[in-house]
Amino acid sequence: MKVSKLSFVTLALFCLVSSSLAVGDDSHVESEIKRLVTSGPNREAPPVASTAYISNDFEIKRRVPTGPDPIQSPLASGVYASSSFDVKRRVPSGPDPIQSPLASGVYALSSFDVKRRVPSGPDPIQSPLASGVYASSSFDVKRRVPSGPDPIQSPLASGVYASSSFDVKRRVPSGPDPIQSPLASGVYASSSFDVKRRVPSGPDPIQSPLASGVYASSSFDVKRRVPSGPDPIQSPLASGVYASSSFDVKRRVPSGPDPIQSPLASGVYASSSFDVKRRVPSGPDPIQSPLASGVYASSSFDVKRRVPSGPDPIQSPLASGVYASSSFDVKRRVPSGPDPIQSPLASGVYASSSFDVKRRVPSGPDPIQSPLASGVYASSSFDVKRRVPSGPDPIQSPLASGVYASSSFDVKRRVPSGPDPIQSPLASSVYASSSFNLKSNRPKS
């Protein structure tokens, strides 16, 4: 009975959409779909309350119990503990795909984020750090699939992919710094490499991801922990000593033999960027109290700089000079209290807030020496995430739900050029746009 009822409802919806599209009455189709879906039976135990959407992005993550690797064992691993899929698709107007997100017909594109943990063994990436054994590796596989049957049912059953990227991270036992000691540190405990390669279209490269021949580019994400000591970045926060620093080093390598075999094989690079994060002991807010919060426990800075082509700047990454831009990533935890962001959710109290502040600095002397040395810049964006206690949905029930346990918001604003709004980032003015990224946990109905 359930199967026949499902078939009848599906057929009725299909006929309704087809006939309405034939006469071009889009508004009638939209209203009828909303009426039928909200009043009709749930076809597949919906994960959210039923309604109808014209278009949306969906992020689906699932944990898979241990078993044989379903992605054709690209690392010849035997078993892994979990896998997650990041599925985003744009769906034309029609029945709510949330109720049966995989029961659709055709998608225009889909991307997969596959990460797996592999037990320790010989380094399958040809030992770029001459390490012997490592404990884990993860792959970030994204592919674009042309429209057709839902590839989620057989994600590797396609034919040809145009590109693939791999995110390879490995832990290396402590030893001499193989990156020519840019911080003059002697020994460090770990290093990770972020290797991404573009592969021309052809047979699925996941089956043989390192099957030669020539790659056009490669990037490395190198992070190292440094024992506490004087701040080697010229004390941008006038702090005396800090416990760690990490560098995000990415280089572009011209096409040729796979540079993974000799990733540090000198030469000349056109650019390099550094990701510097440091923890500062609690005290007055050194960022001029943008939240008027008094005291906080930590702050981190994401500093990226572009270096003109020449000798490998990794040998002297801070060798002065001039560069064209810098960006700062400032995140801070604020004790609970009235919402300092002008109550965009009209909530009363929340426990934490974080700000992602990026600014563009015109070329000139290295602004790392005085990263807040005023000036003027053209834009700033804020990444605000907050947890809201369960209760009525404060976002006007976009899913017609009743109660949810948590929600996070990704708020970004563009600010016209003028005095540095970091000194008073909430001193209003006018913002051109704001976007919200809503995620909620809802109990199953």
Protein backbone atom coordinates (compact mmCIF):
# COMPACT_ATOMS: atom_id res chain seq x y z
CA MET A 1 0.00 0.00 0.00
CA LYS A 2 2.82 2.38 0.84
CA VAL A 3 4.54 1.69 -2.48
CA SER A 4 1.36 2.24 -4.49
CA LYS A 5 0.60 5.46 -2.63
CA LEU A 6 4.17 6.70 -3.27
CA SER A 7 3.89 5.85 -6.95
CA PHE A 8 0.53 7.59 -7.21
CA VAL A 9 1.76 10.77 -5.54
CA THR A 10 4.94 10.82 -7.63
CA LEU A 11 2.96 10.29 -10.85
CA ALA A 12 0.49 13.00 -9.90
CA LEU A 13 3.28 15.49 -9.18
CA PHE A 14 5.06 14.63 -12.42
CA CYS A 15 1.88 15.06 -14.49
CA LEU A 16 1.08 18.31 -12.71
CA VAL A 17 4.56 19.76 -13.30
CA SER A 18 4.66 18.59 -16.91
CA SER A 19 1.23 19.95 -17.82
CA SER A 20 1.83 23.24 -16.06
CA LEU A 21 5.23 23.73 -17.66
CA ALA A 22 3.61 23.13 -21.03
CA VAL A 23 1.36 26.12 -20.58
CA GLY A 24 4.08 28.15 -18.86
CA ASP A 25 2.20 28.90 -15.62
CA ASP A 26 5.21 28.85 -13.27
CA SER A 27 3.48 30.55 -10.36
CA HIS A 28 0.63 28.04 -10.46
CA VAL A 29 3.11 25.15 -10.46
CA GLU A 30 4.97 26.63 -7.52
CA SER A 31 1.84 27.12 -5.42
CA GLU A 32 0.47 23.69 -6.29
CA ILE A 33 3.76 22.01 -5.40
CA LYS A 34 3.86 23.76 -2.06
CA ARG A 35 0.28 22.75 -1.35
CA LEU A 36 0.73 19.12 -2.37
CA VAL A 37 4.04 18.59 -0.62
CA THR A 38 3.08 20.21 2.67
CA SER A 39 -0.25 18.39 2.81
CA GLY A 40 0.80 15.06 1.28
CA PRO A 41 2.52 12.12 2.94
CA ASN A 42 6.24 12.15 3.61
CA ARG A 43 7.74 9.94 0.97
CA GLU A 44 11.02 9.05 2.66
CA ALA A 45 11.01 9.87 6.37
CA PRO A 46 12.04 13.48 5.76
CA PRO A 47 15.10 14.72 7.66
CA VAL A 48 13.47 18.15 7.94
CA ALA A 49 9.92 19.40 8.05
CA SER A 50 8.24 19.22 4.69
CA THR A 51 7.93 22.22 2.44
CA ALA A 52 8.96 23.06 -1.12
CA TYR A 53 11.96 25.00 -2.35
CA ILE A 54 12.63 26.55 -5.71
CA SER A 55 16.38 26.03 -5.50
CA ASN A 56 18.89 25.41 -2.79
CA ASP A 57 22.30 24.04 -1.90
CA PHE A 58 22.44 20.93 0.23
CA GLU A 59 25.33 19.75 2.33
CA ILE A 60 25.02 16.05 3.08
CA LYS A 61 27.54 14.33 5.28
CA ARG A 62 27.33 10.72 6.28
CA ARG A 63 29.47 8.44 8.35
CA VAL A 64 30.12 4.98 6.95
CA PRO A 65 30.96 2.06 9.24
CA THR A 66 34.30 0.36 8.78
CA GLY A 67 34.56 -2.00 5.84
CA PRO A 68 36.32 -2.36 2.49
CA ASP A 69 37.23 0.98 1.00
CA PRO A 70 34.42 1.76 -1.50
CA ILE A 71 36.54 4.25 -3.42
CA GLN A 72 38.59 1.47 -5.06
CA SER A 73 41.40 1.65 -2.51
CA PRO A 74 43.57 4.41 -4.03
CA LEU A 75 46.07 3.89 -1.22
CA ALA A 76 45.73 0.11 -1.25
CA SER A 77 44.40 0.46 2.25
CA GLY A 78 42.33 -2.32 3.64
CA VAL A 79 39.78 -0.82 5.97
CA TYR A 80 38.88 2.64 7.07
CA ALA A 81 36.64 3.96 9.79
CA SER A 82 34.60 6.69 8.19
CA SER A 83 33.91 8.66 5.08
CA SER A 84 32.07 11.89 4.56
CA PHE A 85 30.44 13.26 1.44
CA ASP A 86 29.89 16.91 0.79
CA VAL A 87 27.13 16.97 -1.79
CA LYS A 88 25.97 20.26 -3.16
CA ARG A 89 23.51 20.47 -5.96
CA ARG A 90 21.37 23.12 -7.53
CA VAL A 91 17.87 21.81 -8.10
CA PRO A 92 15.30 23.48 -10.36
CA SER A 93 11.90 24.27 -8.90
CA GLY A 94 9.80 21.22 -8.12
CA PRO A 95 9.02 18.84 -5.27
CA ASP A 96 11.10 19.30 -2.15
CA PRO A 97 14.30 17.31 -2.78
CA ILE A 98 15.03 17.21 0.93
CA GLN A 99 12.37 14.56 1.40
CA SER A 100 14.08 12.30 -1.14
CA PRO A 101 17.35 14.04 -2.04
CA LEU A 102 18.64 11.03 -3.96
CA ALA A 103 15.32 10.15 -5.60
CA SER A 104 15.59 12.88 -8.15
CA GLY A 105 16.18 12.43 -11.80
CA VAL A 106 19.01 14.58 -13.09
CA TYR A 107 21.55 16.93 -11.52
CA ALA A 108 23.67 19.43 -13.36
CA LEU A 109 26.72 19.01 -11.18
CA SER A 110 27.83 17.34 -8.01
CA SER A 111 31.01 17.42 -5.96
CA PHE A 112 32.34 14.85 -3.54
CA ASP A 113 34.57 15.48 -0.55
CA VAL A 114 36.09 12.13 0.36
CA LYS A 115 38.44 11.83 3.29
CA ARG A 116 39.82 8.60 4.65
CA ARG A 117 42.25 7.57 7.33
CA VAL A 118 44.86 5.01 6.32
CA PRO A 119 46.84 2.91 8.80
CA SER A 120 50.55 3.58 9.00
CA GLY A 121 52.76 2.03 6.32
CA PRO A 122 55.25 3.03 3.63
CA ASP A 123 54.67 6.52 2.36
CA PRO A 124 52.76 6.06 -0.94
CA ILE A 125 53.59 9.58 -2.13
CA GLN A 126 57.22 8.67 -2.90
CA SER A 127 58.52 9.96 0.44
CA PRO A 128 58.89 13.71 -0.34
CA LEU A 129 60.30 14.22 3.15
CA ALA A 130 62.28 10.98 3.11
CA SER A 131 60.13 9.89 5.99
CA GLY A 132 59.72 6.20 6.47
CA VAL A 133 56.30 5.67 7.96
CA TYR A 134 53.41 7.91 8.75
CA ALA A 135 50.21 7.41 10.68
CA SER A 136 47.49 8.80 8.47
CA SER A 137 46.65 10.39 5.17
CA SER A 138 43.51 12.01 3.90
CA PHE A 139 42.32 12.69 0.39
CA ASP A 140 40.06 15.53 -0.61
CA VAL A 141 38.51 14.39 -3.86
CA LYS A 142 36.21 16.70 -5.73
CA ARG A 143 34.88 16.02 -9.15
CA ARG A 144 32.40 17.67 -11.44
CA VAL A 145 29.98 15.29 -13.10
CA PRO A 146 27.91 16.27 -16.15
CA SER A 147 24.15 16.06 -15.84
CA GLY A 148 22.68 12.56 -15.97
CA PRO A 149 21.52 9.88 -13.58
CA ASP A 150 22.19 10.70 -9.96
CA PRO A 151 25.92 9.98 -9.51
CA ILE A 152 25.46 9.56 -5.76
CA GLN A 153 24.19 6.05 -6.39
CA SER A 154 27.38 5.12 -8.22
CA PRO A 155 29.80 8.01 -7.64
CA LEU A 156 32.67 6.28 -9.43
CA ALA A 157 30.54 4.69 -12.13
CA SER A 158 30.99 7.64 -14.42
CA GLY A 159 33.31 7.53 -17.35
CA VAL A 160 35.68 10.44 -17.48
CA TYR A 161 36.48 13.27 -15.11
CA ALA A 162 37.95 16.58 -16.13
CA SER A 163 39.90 17.24 -12.96
CA SER A 164 40.68 15.91 -9.54
CA SER A 165 42.49 17.32 -6.54
CA PHE A 166 44.16 15.55 -3.66
CA ASP A 167 44.72 16.89 -0.17
CA VAL A 168 47.57 14.85 1.30
CA LYS A 169 48.72 15.50 4.84
CA ARG A 170 51.33 13.48 6.66
CA ARG A 171 53.01 13.59 10.03
CA VAL A 172 56.80 13.36 10.02
CA PRO A 173 58.87 12.41 13.06
CA SER A 174 61.03 15.17 14.50
CA GLY A 175 64.37 15.84 12.83
CA PRO A 176 66.26 18.62 11.02
CA ASP A 177 63.93 21.11 9.42
CA PRO A 178 63.82 20.08 5.72
CA ILE A 179 62.53 23.50 4.66
CA GLN A 180 65.91 25.17 5.27
CA SER A 181 64.97 26.39 8.76
CA PRO A 182 63.01 29.57 7.90
CA LEU A 183 62.52 30.19 11.63
CA ALA A 184 66.02 29.09 12.55
CA SER A 185 64.41 26.37 14.61
CA GLY A 186 66.46 23.28 15.04
CA VAL A 187 63.95 20.47 15.28
CA TYR A 188 60.24 20.27 14.93
CA ALA A 189 57.72 17.57 15.63
CA SER A 190 55.55 17.45 12.56
CA SER A 191 54.97 18.79 9.10
CA SER A 192 52.04 18.47 6.76
CA PHE A 193 51.84 18.88 3.01
CA ASP A 194 48.79 19.98 1.11
CA VAL A 195 49.27 18.54 -2.35
CA LYS A 196 46.78 19.38 -5.05
CA ARG A 197 47.17 18.43 -8.63
CA ARG A 198 45.06 18.96 -11.70
CA VAL A 199 44.76 15.94 -13.95
CA PRO A 200 43.63 16.23 -17.57
CA SER A 201 40.43 14.46 -18.49
CA GLY A 202 40.70 10.72 -19.04
CA PRO A 203 40.09 7.53 -17.10
CA ASP A 204 39.23 8.11 -13.46
CA PRO A 205 42.54 9.20 -11.90
CA ILE A 206 41.33 8.01 -8.50
CA GLN A 207 42.32 4.50 -9.55
CA SER A 208 45.91 5.59 -10.12
CA PRO A 209 46.14 9.12 -8.67
CA LEU A 210 49.93 9.27 -9.06
CA ALA A 211 50.06 7.56 -12.44
CA SER A 212 52.49 10.12 -13.82
CA GLY A 213 53.21 11.95 -16.26
CA VAL A 214 53.29 15.80 -16.03
CA TYR A 215 51.43 18.14 -13.74
CA ALA A 216 50.98 21.84 -14.28
CA SER A 217 51.09 22.96 -10.66
CA SER A 218 51.53 21.82 -7.11
CA SER A 219 51.11 23.54 -3.77
CA PHE A 220 52.50 22.67 -0.36
CA ASP A 221 50.97 23.48 3.01
CA VAL A 222 53.82 23.41 5.52
CA LYS A 223 53.12 23.97 9.18
CA ARG A 224 55.66 23.70 11.95
CA ARG A 225 55.66 24.22 15.68
CA VAL A 226 58.43 26.39 17.11
CA PRO A 227 59.46 26.42 20.78
CA SER A 228 58.65 29.59 22.68
CA GLY A 229 61.02 32.51 22.29
CA PRO A 230 61.14 36.07 20.93
CA ASP A 231 58.51 36.65 18.29
CA PRO A 232 60.35 36.20 14.96
CA ILE A 233 57.68 38.16 13.10
CA GLN A 234 58.83 41.49 14.57
CA SER A 235 56.29 41.44 17.41
CA PRO A 236 53.20 42.77 15.59
CA LEU A 237 51.26 42.52 18.84
CA ALA A 238 54.12 43.73 21.02
CA SER A 239 53.86 40.43 22.82
CA GLY A 240 57.07 39.17 24.27
CA VAL A 241 57.03 35.42 23.90
CA TYR A 242 54.67 33.00 22.33
CA ALA A 243 54.48 29.25 22.20
CA SER A 244 54.02 28.37 18.56
CA SER A 245 53.88 29.65 15.03
CA SER A 246 52.75 28.00 11.84
CA PHE A 247 53.56 28.84 8.25
CA ASP A 248 51.37 28.09 5.28
CA VAL A 249 53.74 27.90 2.33
CA LYS A 250 52.31 27.50 -1.14
CA ARG A 251 54.35 27.60 -4.29
CA ARG A 252 53.45 27.40 -7.94
CA VAL A 253 55.69 25.12 -9.96
CA PRO A 254 55.82 25.30 -13.77
CA SER A 255 54.70 22.21 -15.63
CA GLY A 256 57.24 19.43 -15.94
CA PRO A 257 58.09 16.19 -14.19
CA ASP A 258 55.99 15.63 -11.10
CA PRO A 259 57.48 18.02 -8.52
CA ILE A 260 56.22 15.77 -5.74
CA GLN A 261 59.32 13.65 -6.31
CA SER A 262 61.54 16.62 -5.47
CA PRO A 263 59.19 19.27 -4.03
CA LEU A 264 62.06 21.45 -2.80
CA ALA A 265 64.17 21.12 -5.93
CA SER A 266 65.13 24.78 -5.73
CA GLY A 267 64.73 26.89 -8.83
CA VAL A 268 62.67 30.07 -8.71
CA TYR A 269 59.12 30.53 -7.56
CA ALA A 270 56.81 33.33 -8.55
CA SER A 271 54.98 33.72 -5.24
CA SER A 272 54.78 32.54 -1.69
CA SER A 273 52.31 33.10 1.11
CA PHE A 274 52.69 32.71 4.85
CA ASP A 275 49.98 31.81 7.33
CA VAL A 276 51.09 33.06 10.74
CA LYS A 277 48.98 32.33 13.79
CA ARG A 278 49.96 33.11 17.34
CA ARG A 279 48.35 32.87 20.73
CA VAL A 280 48.55 35.92 22.98
CA PRO A 281 48.14 35.74 26.77
CA SER A 282 45.02 37.36 28.16
CA GLY A 283 45.12 41.12 28.64
CA PRO A 284 43.70 44.29 27.11
CA ASP A 285 42.44 43.64 23.60
CA PRO A 286 45.38 44.62 21.35
CA ILE A 287 43.05 45.06 18.38
CA GLN A 288 41.64 48.28 19.86
CA SER A 289 38.71 46.51 21.50
CA PRO A 290 36.40 46.16 18.47
CA LEU A 291 33.89 44.47 20.75
CA ALA A 292 34.67 46.66 23.76
CA SER A 293 35.17 43.38 25.52
CA GLY A 294 37.90 44.26 27.95
CA VAL A 295 39.96 41.12 28.17
CA TYR A 296 40.17 37.98 26.12
CA ALA A 297 42.31 34.91 26.17
CA SER A 298 43.68 34.56 22.68
CA SER A 299 43.93 36.05 19.23
CA SER A 300 45.18 34.64 15.99
CA PHE A 301 46.43 36.38 12.87
CA ASP A 302 46.36 35.00 9.37
CA VAL A 303 49.10 36.87 7.53
CA LYS A 304 49.60 36.27 3.84
CA ARG A 305 52.07 38.12 1.71
CA ARG A 306 52.97 38.02 -1.96
CA VAL A 307 56.65 37.93 -2.81
CA PRO A 308 57.93 38.87 -6.29
CA SER A 309 59.58 36.12 -8.29
CA GLY A 310 63.26 35.51 -7.58
CA PRO A 311 65.34 33.23 -5.41
CA ASP A 312 63.24 30.92 -3.28
CA PRO A 313 61.85 33.21 -0.55
CA ILE A 314 61.54 30.25 1.79
CA GLN A 315 65.24 30.74 2.55
CA SER A 316 64.56 34.22 3.89
CA PRO A 317 60.77 34.54 4.13
CA LEU A 318 60.95 37.80 6.08
CA ALA A 319 63.69 39.38 4.01
CA SER A 320 62.00 42.77 4.11
CA GLY A 321 61.39 44.43 0.80
CA VAL A 322 57.94 45.58 -0.27
CA TYR A 323 54.87 43.62 -1.11
CA ALA A 324 51.45 44.48 -2.36
CA SER A 325 48.93 43.12 0.12
CA SER A 326 48.33 41.58 3.49
CA SER A 327 45.29 40.11 5.16
CA PHE A 328 44.54 39.48 8.81
CA ASP A 329 42.32 36.77 10.22
CA VAL A 330 41.27 37.81 13.70
CA LYS A 331 39.15 35.49 15.82
CA ARG A 332 38.28 36.07 19.43
CA ARG A 333 36.05 34.50 22.03
CA VAL A 334 33.75 36.85 23.91
CA PRO A 335 32.14 36.00 27.26
CA SER A 336 28.39 35.61 27.21
CA GLY A 337 26.39 38.83 27.43
CA PRO A 338 24.21 41.04 25.27
CA ASP A 339 24.73 40.36 21.61
CA PRO A 340 27.36 42.94 20.50
CA ILE A 341 26.47 42.53 16.83
CA GLN A 342 23.36 44.69 17.23
CA SER A 343 21.22 41.63 17.90
CA PRO A 344 20.77 40.43 14.30
CA LEU A 345 18.91 37.43 15.70
CA ALA A 346 17.16 39.41 18.41
CA SER A 347 18.53 36.78 20.75
CA GLY A 348 19.30 37.67 24.30
CA VAL A 349 22.59 36.07 25.26
CA TYR A 350 25.10 33.89 23.52
CA ALA A 351 28.28 32.24 24.60
CA SER A 352 30.84 33.07 21.95
CA SER A 353 31.46 34.96 18.76
CA SER A 354 34.29 34.94 16.28
CA PHE A 355 35.30 37.53 13.73
CA ASP A 356 37.12 36.93 10.49
CA VAL A 357 38.66 40.27 9.58
CA LYS A 358 40.55 40.66 6.34
CA ARG A 359 41.98 43.86 5.05
CA ARG A 360 43.87 44.87 1.94
CA VAL A 361 46.91 47.08 2.45
CA PRO A 362 48.44 49.12 -0.38
CA SER A 363 52.00 48.28 -1.36
CA GLY A 364 54.72 49.86 0.74
CA PRO A 365 56.88 49.03 3.74
CA ASP A 366 56.05 45.70 5.31
CA PRO A 367 52.83 46.37 7.26
CA ILE A 368 53.60 43.42 9.52
CA GLN A 369 55.70 45.84 11.55
CA SER A 370 52.60 47.91 12.20
CA PRO A 371 49.68 45.82 10.98
CA LEU A 372 47.09 48.26 12.31
CA ALA A 373 48.87 51.40 11.13
CA SER A 374 45.60 52.95 10.04
CA GLY A 375 45.45 53.99 6.44
CA VAL A 376 42.46 53.25 4.24
CA TYR A 377 41.31 50.05 2.72
CA ALA A 378 38.45 49.07 0.51
CA SER A 379 36.67 46.21 2.19
CA SER A 380 36.29 44.13 5.30
CA SER A 381 34.35 40.97 5.97
CA PHE A 382 33.13 39.49 9.21
CA ASP A 383 32.54 35.81 9.84
CA VAL A 384 30.15 35.58 12.77
CA LYS A 385 29.09 32.23 14.14
CA ARG A 386 27.00 31.77 17.21
CA ARG A 387 25.25 28.94 18.96
CA VAL A 388 21.65 29.60 19.93
CA PRO A 389 19.90 27.57 22.64
CA SER A 390 17.03 25.41 21.46
CA GLY A 391 13.70 27.20 21.13
CA PRO A 392 11.54 28.70 18.42
CA ASP A 393 13.50 29.16 15.24
CA PRO A 394 14.65 32.82 15.31
CA ILE A 395 15.14 32.95 11.55
CA GLN A 396 11.41 33.05 10.89
CA SER A 397 11.17 29.28 10.50
CA PRO A 398 12.74 28.92 7.03
CA LEU A 399 12.06 25.18 7.18
CA ALA A 400 8.73 25.55 9.00
CA SER A 401 10.34 23.66 11.84
CA GLY A 402 9.42 23.95 15.45
CA VAL A 403 12.54 23.65 17.58
CA TYR A 404 16.19 23.15 16.84
CA ALA A 405 19.23 22.62 18.98
CA SER A 406 21.83 24.88 17.41
CA SER A 407 22.43 27.21 14.52
CA SER A 408 25.45 28.96 13.10
CA PHE A 409 25.55 32.07 10.96
CA ASP A 410 28.15 33.10 8.44
CA VAL A 411 27.82 36.86 8.12
CA LYS A 412 29.93 38.77 5.65
CA ARG A 413 29.64 42.45 4.93
CA ARG A 414 31.29 44.71 2.42
CA VAL A 415 32.36 48.10 3.73
CA PRO A 416 33.07 51.06 1.43
CA SER A 417 36.58 52.44 1.53
CA GLY A 418 37.29 54.92 4.29
CA PRO A 419 38.91 55.08 7.73
CA ASP A 420 39.87 51.69 9.06
CA PRO A 421 36.63 50.26 10.51
CA ILE A 422 38.66 47.88 12.66
CA GLN A 423 38.88 50.69 15.19
CA SER A 424 35.10 50.65 15.40
CA PRO A 425 33.97 47.81 13.13
CA LEU A 426 30.41 48.03 14.41
CA ALA A 427 30.19 51.82 14.13
CA SER A 428 27.51 51.14 11.58
CA SER A 429 27.78 53.06 8.30
CA VAL A 430 26.17 51.27 5.43
CA TYR A 431 26.82 47.75 4.29
CA ALA A 432 25.99 46.65 0.80
CA SER A 433 25.17 43.04 1.47
CA SER A 434 25.00 40.35 4.08
CA SER A 435 24.65 36.61 3.69
CA PHE A 436 23.61 33.97 6.16
CA ASN A 437 24.74 30.38 6.15
CA LEU A 438 22.18 28.47 8.18
CA LYS A 439 22.77 25.04 9.60
CA SER A 440 20.47 23.47 12.12
CA ASN A 441 20.18 20.19 13.97
CA ARG A 442 16.59 19.03 14.16
CA PRO A 443 15.20 15.91 15.77
CA LYS A 444 13.75 13.34 13.40
CA SER A 445 10.00 13.58 13.03
